[in-house]
Amino acid sequence: MELRSEQIHQTLQQLKRKTEQQEDELYAIRQRQIQLEYTGTELRHIEREKENLIAQAHDVWRGNHGKSVAFHAEDTAHESWRKLRRHIENTREQLKQEQKTIQSSLSQMEEERKLLHKELVL
């Protein structure tokens, strides 16, 4: 019985180390999510400034050629913005999936830990 008890203690220590590692990874993901939200806020601010500049360009550039340049710049800016938003959303979703996977792993390890403790007590 002492051998099994020692094995359980070793397994519990391994679980503890794995849990700490998973919690560190979870913390890092949360930090990346916070940074992503901050970046999204900054990008929305930049988008508003860009819209103001494009509006001013439409006012300044007169004539067919000037309007063509302004519309081209506006289209290019909008396409870049759509790509950037798509990238941010994909990153946000990826972080959520990583977080979900780690939380699931933590739950499994907690269940295993409880079972081992129960076996140790018996």
N, C-alpha and C. Protein backbone atom coordinates (compact mmCIF):
# COMPACT_ATOMS: atom_id res chain seq x y z
N MET A 1 0.83 -1.19 0.00
CA MET A 1 0.00 0.00 0.00
C MET A 1 0.87 1.25 0.00
N GLU A 2 2.03 1.20 0.66
CA GLU A 2 2.91 2.37 0.70
C GLU A 2 3.41 2.74 -0.68
N LEU A 3 3.65 1.74 -1.52
CA LEU A 3 4.09 1.99 -2.88
C LEU A 3 3.02 2.77 -3.65
N ARG A 4 1.79 2.33 -3.52
CA ARG A 4 0.68 3.02 -4.21
C ARG A 4 0.52 4.44 -3.67
N SER A 5 0.68 4.60 -2.37
CA SER A 5 0.59 5.92 -1.75
C SER A 5 1.68 6.84 -2.30
N GLU A 6 2.88 6.30 -2.42
CA GLU A 6 3.99 7.11 -2.98
C GLU A 6 3.71 7.48 -4.44
N GLN A 7 3.16 6.54 -5.20
CA GLN A 7 2.82 6.81 -6.60
C GLN A 7 1.76 7.92 -6.69
N ILE A 8 0.80 7.85 -5.81
CA ILE A 8 -0.26 8.88 -5.80
C ILE A 8 0.33 10.23 -5.47
N HIS A 9 1.23 10.30 -4.49
CA HIS A 9 1.86 11.57 -4.15
C HIS A 9 2.66 12.13 -5.32
N GLN A 10 3.37 11.27 -6.00
CA GLN A 10 4.14 11.71 -7.17
C GLN A 10 3.21 12.23 -8.27
N THR A 11 2.14 11.50 -8.50
CA THR A 11 1.17 11.92 -9.52
C THR A 11 0.54 13.26 -9.14
N LEU A 12 0.24 13.42 -7.84
CA LEU A 12 -0.33 14.69 -7.38
C LEU A 12 0.65 15.84 -7.60
N GLN A 13 1.93 15.60 -7.37
CA GLN A 13 2.94 16.63 -7.59
C GLN A 13 3.03 16.98 -9.08
N GLN A 14 2.97 15.97 -9.92
CA GLN A 14 2.99 16.22 -11.37
C GLN A 14 1.77 17.02 -11.80
N LEU A 15 0.62 16.66 -11.25
CA LEU A 15 -0.60 17.40 -11.56
C LEU A 15 -0.49 18.85 -11.11
N LYS A 16 0.10 19.04 -9.95
CA LYS A 16 0.26 20.41 -9.44
C LYS A 16 1.14 21.22 -10.38
N ARG A 17 2.25 20.63 -10.85
CA ARG A 17 3.14 21.36 -11.78
C ARG A 17 2.43 21.64 -13.10
N LYS A 18 1.69 20.65 -13.60
CA LYS A 18 0.96 20.84 -14.85
C LYS A 18 -0.11 21.92 -14.69
N THR A 19 -0.78 21.90 -13.55
CA THR A 19 -1.82 22.90 -13.28
C THR A 19 -1.22 24.30 -13.24
N GLU A 20 -0.09 24.44 -12.58
CA GLU A 20 0.57 25.75 -12.52
C GLU A 20 0.98 26.22 -13.91
N GLN A 21 1.49 25.30 -14.71
CA GLN A 21 1.89 25.63 -16.07
C GLN A 21 0.67 26.06 -16.89
N GLN A 22 -0.43 25.32 -16.78
CA GLN A 22 -1.65 25.66 -17.51
C GLN A 22 -2.21 27.01 -17.05
N GLU A 23 -2.15 27.27 -15.76
CA GLU A 23 -2.63 28.55 -15.25
C GLU A 23 -1.77 29.70 -15.76
N ASP A 24 -0.46 29.47 -15.88
CA ASP A 24 0.42 30.49 -16.45
C ASP A 24 0.07 30.76 -17.91
N GLU A 25 -0.21 29.69 -18.65
CA GLU A 25 -0.61 29.85 -20.04
C GLU A 25 -1.94 30.59 -20.16
N LEU A 26 -2.85 30.27 -19.26
CA LEU A 26 -4.15 30.95 -19.24
C LEU A 26 -3.97 32.43 -18.95
N TYR A 27 -3.10 32.75 -18.02
CA TYR A 27 -2.81 34.15 -17.70
C TYR A 27 -2.22 34.87 -18.92
N ALA A 28 -1.31 34.20 -19.62
CA ALA A 28 -0.71 34.80 -20.82
C ALA A 28 -1.77 35.05 -21.90
N ILE A 29 -2.69 34.13 -22.04
CA ILE A 29 -3.78 34.31 -23.02
C ILE A 29 -4.63 35.50 -22.62
N ARG A 30 -4.95 35.60 -21.35
CA ARG A 30 -5.76 36.74 -20.88
C ARG A 30 -5.04 38.06 -21.13
N GLN A 31 -3.74 38.08 -20.94
CA GLN A 31 -2.96 39.29 -21.21
C GLN A 31 -3.00 39.63 -22.71
N ARG A 32 -2.90 38.61 -23.54
CA ARG A 32 -2.97 38.84 -24.99
C ARG A 32 -4.36 39.35 -25.38
N GLN A 33 -5.39 38.83 -24.73
CA GLN A 33 -6.75 39.31 -25.01
C GLN A 33 -6.90 40.78 -24.61
N ILE A 34 -6.34 41.15 -23.48
CA ILE A 34 -6.40 42.54 -23.04
C ILE A 34 -5.67 43.43 -24.04
N GLN A 35 -4.49 42.99 -24.48
CA GLN A 35 -3.72 43.76 -25.45
C GLN A 35 -4.47 43.86 -26.77
N LEU A 36 -5.14 42.80 -27.16
CA LEU A 36 -5.92 42.81 -28.40
C LEU A 36 -7.07 43.81 -28.30
N GLU A 37 -7.73 43.85 -27.17
CA GLU A 37 -8.83 44.81 -26.99
C GLU A 37 -8.30 46.25 -27.02
N TYR A 38 -7.17 46.47 -26.38
CA TYR A 38 -6.56 47.80 -26.40
C TYR A 38 -6.20 48.19 -27.83
N THR A 39 -5.62 47.26 -28.57
CA THR A 39 -5.26 47.52 -29.96
C THR A 39 -6.51 47.81 -30.78
N GLY A 40 -7.57 47.06 -30.54
CA GLY A 40 -8.83 47.31 -31.26
C GLY A 40 -9.36 48.71 -30.99
N THR A 41 -9.26 49.15 -29.75
CA THR A 41 -9.71 50.50 -29.39
C THR A 41 -8.87 51.56 -30.11
N GLU A 42 -7.57 51.35 -30.11
CA GLU A 42 -6.68 52.29 -30.80
C GLU A 42 -6.97 52.31 -32.30
N LEU A 43 -7.24 51.16 -32.87
CA LEU A 43 -7.53 51.09 -34.30
C LEU A 43 -8.84 51.80 -34.65
N ARG A 44 -9.82 51.70 -33.75
CA ARG A 44 -11.08 52.43 -34.00
C ARG A 44 -10.84 53.93 -33.98
N HIS A 45 -9.97 54.37 -33.08
CA HIS A 45 -9.61 55.78 -33.02
C HIS A 45 -8.91 56.20 -34.32
N ILE A 46 -7.99 55.40 -34.79
CA ILE A 46 -7.28 55.68 -36.05
C ILE A 46 -8.26 55.67 -37.21
N GLU A 47 -9.23 54.76 -37.19
CA GLU A 47 -10.24 54.71 -38.26
C GLU A 47 -11.04 56.00 -38.32
N ARG A 48 -11.41 56.54 -37.17
CA ARG A 48 -12.15 57.82 -37.15
C ARG A 48 -11.29 58.94 -37.75
N GLU A 49 -10.02 58.96 -37.38
CA GLU A 49 -9.11 59.98 -37.93
C GLU A 49 -8.97 59.82 -39.44
N LYS A 50 -8.87 58.58 -39.90
CA LYS A 50 -8.76 58.31 -41.34
C LYS A 50 -10.02 58.80 -42.07
N GLU A 51 -11.17 58.54 -41.49
CA GLU A 51 -12.43 58.99 -42.11
C GLU A 51 -12.45 60.52 -42.23
N ASN A 52 -11.96 61.21 -41.20
CA ASN A 52 -11.90 62.67 -41.26
C ASN A 52 -10.96 63.13 -42.36
N LEU A 53 -9.81 62.47 -42.49
CA LEU A 53 -8.85 62.83 -43.54
C LEU A 53 -9.43 62.58 -44.94
N ILE A 54 -10.13 61.49 -45.09
CA ILE A 54 -10.74 61.19 -46.39
C ILE A 54 -11.81 62.22 -46.71
N ALA A 55 -12.59 62.61 -45.71
CA ALA A 55 -13.61 63.65 -45.93
C ALA A 55 -12.96 64.96 -46.34
N GLN A 56 -11.85 65.30 -45.70
CA GLN A 56 -11.13 66.52 -46.08
C GLN A 56 -10.57 66.39 -47.49
N ALA A 57 -10.08 65.21 -47.86
CA ALA A 57 -9.54 65.00 -49.20
C ALA A 57 -10.62 65.20 -50.25
N HIS A 58 -11.82 64.74 -49.97
CA HIS A 58 -12.92 64.94 -50.91
C HIS A 58 -13.22 66.43 -51.09
N ASP A 59 -13.11 67.19 -50.01
CA ASP A 59 -13.36 68.63 -50.08
C ASP A 59 -12.25 69.35 -50.84
N VAL A 60 -11.01 68.90 -50.65
CA VAL A 60 -9.85 69.59 -51.23
C VAL A 60 -9.68 69.24 -52.71
N TRP A 61 -9.79 67.97 -53.03
CA TRP A 61 -9.53 67.55 -54.41
C TRP A 61 -10.77 67.76 -55.26
N ARG A 62 -10.63 68.68 -56.17
CA ARG A 62 -11.74 69.00 -57.08
C ARG A 62 -11.44 68.42 -58.45
N GLY A 63 -12.43 68.31 -59.27
CA GLY A 63 -12.24 67.80 -60.62
C GLY A 63 -12.32 66.28 -60.63
N ASN A 64 -12.44 65.76 -61.84
CA ASN A 64 -12.60 64.31 -62.00
C ASN A 64 -11.39 63.53 -61.51
N HIS A 65 -10.19 63.99 -61.86
CA HIS A 65 -8.99 63.27 -61.45
C HIS A 65 -8.84 63.30 -59.93
N GLY A 66 -9.06 64.43 -59.34
CA GLY A 66 -8.95 64.56 -57.89
C GLY A 66 -9.95 63.67 -57.17
N LYS A 67 -11.18 63.65 -57.66
CA LYS A 67 -12.21 62.80 -57.04
C LYS A 67 -11.86 61.33 -57.21
N SER A 68 -11.31 60.98 -58.36
CA SER A 68 -10.91 59.60 -58.61
C SER A 68 -9.82 59.17 -57.61
N VAL A 69 -8.85 60.05 -57.40
CA VAL A 69 -7.78 59.76 -56.43
C VAL A 69 -8.36 59.61 -55.03
N ALA A 70 -9.26 60.48 -54.66
CA ALA A 70 -9.87 60.43 -53.33
C ALA A 70 -10.67 59.14 -53.14
N PHE A 71 -11.46 58.76 -54.15
CA PHE A 71 -12.24 57.53 -54.03
C PHE A 71 -11.34 56.30 -53.98
N HIS A 72 -10.26 56.32 -54.76
CA HIS A 72 -9.31 55.21 -54.74
C HIS A 72 -8.66 55.09 -53.35
N ALA A 73 -8.26 56.21 -52.79
CA ALA A 73 -7.66 56.21 -51.45
C ALA A 73 -8.67 55.69 -50.43
N GLU A 74 -9.90 56.11 -50.56
CA GLU A 74 -10.94 55.67 -49.64
C GLU A 74 -11.18 54.16 -49.75
N ASP A 75 -11.25 53.65 -50.99
CA ASP A 75 -11.44 52.21 -51.19
C ASP A 75 -10.29 51.41 -50.62
N THR A 76 -9.07 51.90 -50.86
CA THR A 76 -7.89 51.21 -50.34
C THR A 76 -7.90 51.19 -48.82
N ALA A 77 -8.24 52.31 -48.22
CA ALA A 77 -8.29 52.41 -46.76
C ALA A 77 -9.35 51.48 -46.19
N HIS A 78 -10.53 51.43 -46.83
CA HIS A 78 -11.59 50.56 -46.34
C HIS A 78 -11.21 49.09 -46.45
N GLU A 79 -10.57 48.72 -47.55
CA GLU A 79 -10.14 47.33 -47.72
C GLU A 79 -9.10 46.95 -46.65
N SER A 80 -8.16 47.83 -46.39
CA SER A 80 -7.16 47.57 -45.36
C SER A 80 -7.83 47.42 -44.00
N TRP A 81 -8.80 48.26 -43.72
CA TRP A 81 -9.51 48.21 -42.45
C TRP A 81 -10.28 46.90 -42.30
N ARG A 82 -10.93 46.45 -43.38
CA ARG A 82 -11.66 45.18 -43.33
C ARG A 82 -10.71 44.02 -43.05
N LYS A 83 -9.55 44.01 -43.71
CA LYS A 83 -8.57 42.95 -43.49
C LYS A 83 -8.08 42.97 -42.04
N LEU A 84 -7.83 44.14 -41.54
CA LEU A 84 -7.35 44.27 -40.16
C LEU A 84 -8.40 43.80 -39.16
N ARG A 85 -9.65 44.19 -39.37
CA ARG A 85 -10.73 43.75 -38.48
C ARG A 85 -10.89 42.23 -38.53
N ARG A 86 -10.79 41.67 -39.73
CA ARG A 86 -10.89 40.22 -39.88
C ARG A 86 -9.75 39.53 -39.12
N HIS A 87 -8.55 40.08 -39.24
CA HIS A 87 -7.40 39.52 -38.52
C HIS A 87 -7.62 39.59 -37.00
N ILE A 88 -8.12 40.71 -36.52
CA ILE A 88 -8.38 40.86 -35.09
C ILE A 88 -9.44 39.86 -34.63
N GLU A 89 -10.49 39.69 -35.40
CA GLU A 89 -11.54 38.74 -35.03
C GLU A 89 -11.01 37.31 -35.03
N ASN A 90 -10.20 36.97 -36.03
CA ASN A 90 -9.61 35.63 -36.07
C ASN A 90 -8.70 35.40 -34.86
N THR A 91 -7.92 36.40 -34.52
CA THR A 91 -7.03 36.29 -33.36
C THR A 91 -7.85 36.16 -32.08
N ARG A 92 -8.91 36.94 -31.96
CA ARG A 92 -9.78 36.88 -30.79
C ARG A 92 -10.39 35.48 -30.65
N GLU A 93 -10.84 34.93 -31.77
CA GLU A 93 -11.44 33.59 -31.75
C GLU A 93 -10.40 32.53 -31.40
N GLN A 94 -9.21 32.66 -31.94
CA GLN A 94 -8.13 31.72 -31.63
C GLN A 94 -7.80 31.75 -30.14
N LEU A 95 -7.72 32.95 -29.57
CA LEU A 95 -7.44 33.07 -28.14
C LEU A 95 -8.55 32.44 -27.30
N LYS A 96 -9.80 32.63 -27.73
CA LYS A 96 -10.92 32.02 -27.00
C LYS A 96 -10.82 30.50 -27.03
N GLN A 97 -10.46 29.96 -28.19
CA GLN A 97 -10.33 28.51 -28.31
C GLN A 97 -9.19 27.98 -27.43
N GLU A 98 -8.07 28.68 -27.44
CA GLU A 98 -6.95 28.28 -26.58
C GLU A 98 -7.36 28.33 -25.12
N GLN A 99 -8.06 29.38 -24.75
CA GLN A 99 -8.52 29.54 -23.37
C GLN A 99 -9.47 28.40 -22.99
N LYS A 100 -10.37 28.08 -23.88
CA LYS A 100 -11.33 27.02 -23.64
C LYS A 100 -10.62 25.67 -23.47
N THR A 101 -9.63 25.40 -24.31
CA THR A 101 -8.87 24.16 -24.23
C THR A 101 -8.13 24.04 -22.90
N ILE A 102 -7.50 25.13 -22.50
CA ILE A 102 -6.75 25.12 -21.24
C ILE A 102 -7.69 24.95 -20.05
N GLN A 103 -8.83 25.65 -20.08
CA GLN A 103 -9.78 25.52 -18.97
C GLN A 103 -10.32 24.10 -18.89
N SER A 104 -10.55 23.48 -20.02
CA SER A 104 -10.99 22.09 -20.03
C SER A 104 -9.92 21.17 -19.44
N SER A 105 -8.69 21.41 -19.82
CA SER A 105 -7.57 20.63 -19.30
C SER A 105 -7.45 20.81 -17.79
N LEU A 106 -7.60 22.04 -17.33
CA LEU A 106 -7.55 22.30 -15.89
C LEU A 106 -8.67 21.57 -15.16
N SER A 107 -9.84 21.54 -15.73
CA SER A 107 -10.96 20.83 -15.11
C SER A 107 -10.68 19.34 -15.02
N GLN A 108 -10.12 18.78 -16.07
CA GLN A 108 -9.78 17.36 -16.06
C GLN A 108 -8.73 17.05 -15.00
N MET A 109 -7.73 17.91 -14.91
CA MET A 109 -6.69 17.69 -13.91
C MET A 109 -7.25 17.81 -12.51
N GLU A 110 -8.18 18.71 -12.30
CA GLU A 110 -8.80 18.87 -10.99
C GLU A 110 -9.60 17.61 -10.62
N GLU A 111 -10.32 17.08 -11.60
CA GLU A 111 -11.07 15.84 -11.35
C GLU A 111 -10.12 14.69 -11.00
N GLU A 112 -9.03 14.60 -11.74
CA GLU A 112 -8.04 13.56 -11.47
C GLU A 112 -7.43 13.74 -10.08
N ARG A 113 -7.15 14.99 -9.73
CA ARG A 113 -6.59 15.28 -8.41
C ARG A 113 -7.56 14.85 -7.31
N LYS A 114 -8.84 15.14 -7.49
CA LYS A 114 -9.86 14.75 -6.50
C LYS A 114 -9.92 13.24 -6.34
N LEU A 115 -9.88 12.53 -7.46
CA LEU A 115 -9.93 11.07 -7.40
C LEU A 115 -8.70 10.51 -6.68
N LEU A 116 -7.54 11.07 -6.96
CA LEU A 116 -6.33 10.60 -6.30
C LEU A 116 -6.36 10.89 -4.81
N HIS A 117 -6.85 12.07 -4.45
CA HIS A 117 -6.97 12.39 -3.01
C HIS A 117 -7.93 11.41 -2.33
N LYS A 118 -9.03 11.13 -3.02
CA LYS A 118 -10.01 10.22 -2.45
C LYS A 118 -9.40 8.83 -2.25
N GLU A 119 -8.63 8.39 -3.25
CA GLU A 119 -7.96 7.09 -3.15
C GLU A 119 -6.92 7.09 -2.03
N LEU A 120 -6.25 8.20 -1.90
CA LEU A 120 -5.22 8.33 -0.86
C LEU A 120 -5.83 8.26 0.54
N VAL A 121 -6.97 8.87 0.71
CA VAL A 121 -7.66 8.89 2.00
C VAL A 121 -8.20 7.51 2.35
N LEU A 122 -8.65 6.80 1.36
CA LEU A 122 -9.21 5.46 1.63
C LEU A 122 -8.10 4.54 1.94
